[in-house]
Amino acid sequence: MRAWLDGASLVSIGLPHDGETIIEPDEQTAADRLVALRKVGYHVPQYAIDSLLIEARGIEGNGESNA
């Protein structure tokens, strides 16, 4: 996978955040950012948002809290 990424070139698709690197401090903020990116036209899979929200809430796949 890394070799594929290293060989890939960035192509502008004409949206406001093309080419940006975004680092968020926590899972909730990252999920919020993905929602915002989706709203301006980027393809963001729902499972990516859902996974971050699950991590933000500290919930395991079995419904039990990590707290």
N, C-alpha and C. Protein backbone atom coordinates (compact mmCIF):
# COMPACT_ATOMS: atom_id res chain seq x y z
N MET A 1 0.82 -1.19 0.00
CA MET A 1 0.00 0.00 0.00
C MET A 1 0.87 1.25 0.00
N ARG A 2 1.92 1.27 0.79
CA ARG A 2 2.78 2.44 0.87
C ARG A 2 3.42 2.75 -0.47
N ALA A 3 3.84 1.73 -1.20
CA ALA A 3 4.45 1.95 -2.52
C ALA A 3 3.45 2.60 -3.46
N TRP A 4 2.21 2.19 -3.39
CA TRP A 4 1.17 2.78 -4.21
C TRP A 4 0.99 4.26 -3.87
N LEU A 5 0.94 4.56 -2.58
CA LEU A 5 0.80 5.96 -2.15
C LEU A 5 2.00 6.79 -2.57
N ASP A 6 3.19 6.24 -2.42
CA ASP A 6 4.40 6.97 -2.80
C ASP A 6 4.42 7.29 -4.29
N GLY A 7 3.85 6.41 -5.10
CA GLY A 7 3.85 6.62 -6.54
C GLY A 7 2.68 7.45 -7.05
N ALA A 8 1.71 7.72 -6.18
CA ALA A 8 0.53 8.47 -6.59
C ALA A 8 0.84 9.96 -6.69
N SER A 9 0.19 10.61 -7.62
CA SER A 9 0.37 12.06 -7.73
C SER A 9 -0.91 12.76 -7.31
N LEU A 10 -0.76 13.94 -6.72
CA LEU A 10 -1.92 14.72 -6.31
C LEU A 10 -2.51 15.41 -7.52
N VAL A 11 -3.81 15.36 -7.63
CA VAL A 11 -4.50 16.01 -8.72
C VAL A 11 -5.59 16.88 -8.12
N SER A 12 -5.58 18.14 -8.46
CA SER A 12 -6.60 19.05 -7.95
C SER A 12 -7.95 18.67 -8.55
N ILE A 13 -8.97 18.62 -7.69
CA ILE A 13 -10.32 18.36 -8.18
C ILE A 13 -11.17 19.61 -8.11
N GLY A 14 -10.54 20.72 -7.72
CA GLY A 14 -11.22 22.00 -7.75
C GLY A 14 -12.04 22.35 -6.53
N LEU A 15 -11.78 21.68 -5.44
CA LEU A 15 -12.49 21.99 -4.21
C LEU A 15 -11.56 22.76 -3.27
N PRO A 16 -12.12 23.44 -2.28
CA PRO A 16 -11.34 24.39 -1.49
C PRO A 16 -10.15 23.83 -0.70
N HIS A 17 -10.16 22.56 -0.37
CA HIS A 17 -9.10 22.01 0.48
C HIS A 17 -8.18 21.06 -0.27
N ASP A 18 -8.21 21.09 -1.59
CA ASP A 18 -7.34 20.22 -2.39
C ASP A 18 -5.88 20.38 -1.97
N GLY A 19 -5.21 19.27 -1.74
CA GLY A 19 -3.79 19.29 -1.43
C GLY A 19 -3.43 19.59 0.01
N GLU A 20 -4.41 19.93 0.83
CA GLU A 20 -4.13 20.25 2.23
C GLU A 20 -3.88 18.99 3.04
N THR A 21 -3.04 19.12 4.04
CA THR A 21 -2.88 18.08 5.06
C THR A 21 -3.57 18.62 6.30
N ILE A 22 -4.48 17.84 6.82
CA ILE A 22 -5.26 18.28 7.98
C ILE A 22 -5.01 17.29 9.11
N ILE A 23 -4.59 17.80 10.25
CA ILE A 23 -4.37 16.97 11.43
C ILE A 23 -5.26 17.52 12.54
N GLU A 24 -6.12 16.68 13.03
CA GLU A 24 -7.05 17.09 14.10
C GLU A 24 -6.59 16.49 15.43
N PRO A 25 -6.90 17.16 16.53
CA PRO A 25 -6.40 16.73 17.84
C PRO A 25 -7.08 15.50 18.44
N ASP A 26 -8.29 15.18 17.95
CA ASP A 26 -9.00 14.04 18.52
C ASP A 26 -10.01 13.50 17.52
N GLU A 27 -10.60 12.37 17.85
CA GLU A 27 -11.49 11.68 16.94
C GLU A 27 -12.76 12.47 16.66
N GLN A 28 -13.33 13.11 17.66
CA GLN A 28 -14.56 13.88 17.45
C GLN A 28 -14.32 15.03 16.48
N THR A 29 -13.22 15.74 16.67
CA THR A 29 -12.90 16.86 15.78
C THR A 29 -12.63 16.36 14.37
N ALA A 30 -11.98 15.21 14.26
CA ALA A 30 -11.71 14.63 12.94
C ALA A 30 -13.02 14.24 12.25
N ALA A 31 -13.95 13.66 12.99
CA ALA A 31 -15.25 13.30 12.42
C ALA A 31 -15.99 14.56 11.96
N ASP A 32 -15.95 15.61 12.78
CA ASP A 32 -16.59 16.87 12.41
C ASP A 32 -15.96 17.44 11.13
N ARG A 33 -14.66 17.32 11.01
CA ARG A 33 -13.95 17.81 9.82
C ARG A 33 -14.38 17.03 8.58
N LEU A 34 -14.51 15.70 8.72
CA LEU A 34 -14.94 14.88 7.59
C LEU A 34 -16.34 15.26 7.14
N VAL A 35 -17.22 15.54 8.09
CA VAL A 35 -18.58 15.97 7.75
C VAL A 35 -18.52 17.29 6.99
N ALA A 36 -17.69 18.22 7.45
CA ALA A 36 -17.55 19.51 6.79
C ALA A 36 -16.99 19.33 5.38
N LEU A 37 -16.01 18.45 5.22
CA LEU A 37 -15.44 18.20 3.89
C LEU A 37 -16.48 17.59 2.96
N ARG A 38 -17.30 16.72 3.48
CA ARG A 38 -18.37 16.13 2.67
C ARG A 38 -19.33 17.22 2.19
N LYS A 39 -19.64 18.16 3.08
CA LYS A 39 -20.58 19.23 2.73
C LYS A 39 -20.08 20.13 1.60
N VAL A 40 -18.76 20.26 1.46
CA VAL A 40 -18.24 21.10 0.36
C VAL A 40 -17.96 20.29 -0.90
N GLY A 41 -18.23 18.97 -0.86
CA GLY A 41 -18.16 18.18 -2.08
C GLY A 41 -17.18 17.03 -2.13
N TYR A 42 -16.39 16.84 -1.08
CA TYR A 42 -15.46 15.71 -1.08
C TYR A 42 -16.21 14.42 -0.81
N HIS A 43 -15.73 13.33 -1.42
CA HIS A 43 -16.31 12.01 -1.15
C HIS A 43 -15.73 11.50 0.16
N VAL A 44 -16.57 11.37 1.16
CA VAL A 44 -16.15 10.86 2.46
C VAL A 44 -17.07 9.71 2.81
N PRO A 45 -16.55 8.50 2.90
CA PRO A 45 -17.40 7.36 3.24
C PRO A 45 -17.98 7.49 4.66
N GLN A 46 -19.25 7.16 4.80
CA GLN A 46 -19.90 7.24 6.11
C GLN A 46 -19.19 6.39 7.14
N TYR A 47 -18.64 5.23 6.71
CA TYR A 47 -17.97 4.37 7.68
C TYR A 47 -16.75 5.04 8.31
N ALA A 48 -16.11 5.95 7.58
CA ALA A 48 -14.97 6.68 8.14
C ALA A 48 -15.43 7.59 9.27
N ILE A 49 -16.53 8.28 9.05
CA ILE A 49 -17.09 9.16 10.08
C ILE A 49 -17.56 8.32 11.27
N ASP A 50 -18.30 7.25 10.98
CA ASP A 50 -18.83 6.39 12.04
C ASP A 50 -17.71 5.80 12.90
N SER A 51 -16.63 5.36 12.27
CA SER A 51 -15.51 4.78 13.02
C SER A 51 -14.90 5.79 13.98
N LEU A 52 -14.73 7.02 13.51
CA LEU A 52 -14.18 8.06 14.36
C LEU A 52 -15.12 8.38 15.52
N LEU A 53 -16.42 8.43 15.25
CA LEU A 53 -17.38 8.72 16.32
C LEU A 53 -17.40 7.60 17.36
N ILE A 54 -17.28 6.37 16.91
CA ILE A 54 -17.22 5.24 17.85
C ILE A 54 -15.98 5.37 18.73
N GLU A 55 -14.83 5.67 18.13
CA GLU A 55 -13.61 5.86 18.92
C GLU A 55 -13.74 7.04 19.87
N ALA A 56 -14.36 8.11 19.42
CA ALA A 56 -14.52 9.30 20.26
C ALA A 56 -15.34 9.00 21.50
N ARG A 57 -16.28 8.10 21.35
CA ARG A 57 -17.15 7.76 22.48
C ARG A 57 -16.59 6.62 23.32
N GLY A 58 -15.48 6.04 22.87
CA GLY A 58 -14.85 4.96 23.62
C GLY A 58 -15.67 3.71 23.68
N ILE A 59 -16.36 3.41 22.60
CA ILE A 59 -17.25 2.26 22.55
C ILE A 59 -16.62 1.17 21.71
N GLU A 60 -16.58 -0.03 22.23
CA GLU A 60 -16.10 -1.18 21.48
C GLU A 60 -17.22 -1.68 20.56
N GLY A 61 -16.86 -2.52 19.66
CA GLY A 61 -17.83 -3.09 18.72
C GLY A 61 -18.95 -3.85 19.41
N ASN A 62 -18.73 -4.31 20.63
CA ASN A 62 -19.75 -5.07 21.33
C ASN A 62 -20.70 -4.18 22.13
N GLY A 63 -20.56 -2.86 22.02
CA GLY A 63 -21.47 -1.95 22.71
C GLY A 63 -21.05 -1.59 24.12
N GLU A 64 -19.95 -2.14 24.59
CA GLU A 64 -19.48 -1.84 25.94
C GLU A 64 -18.52 -0.67 25.93
N SER A 65 -18.56 0.13 26.98
CA SER A 65 -17.70 1.30 27.08
C SER A 65 -16.31 0.90 27.52
N ASN A 66 -15.30 1.65 27.04
CA ASN A 66 -13.93 1.44 27.47
C ASN A 66 -13.63 2.15 28.78
N ALA A 67 -14.57 2.93 29.25
CA ALA A 67 -14.33 3.74 30.46
C ALA A 67 -14.26 2.92 31.70
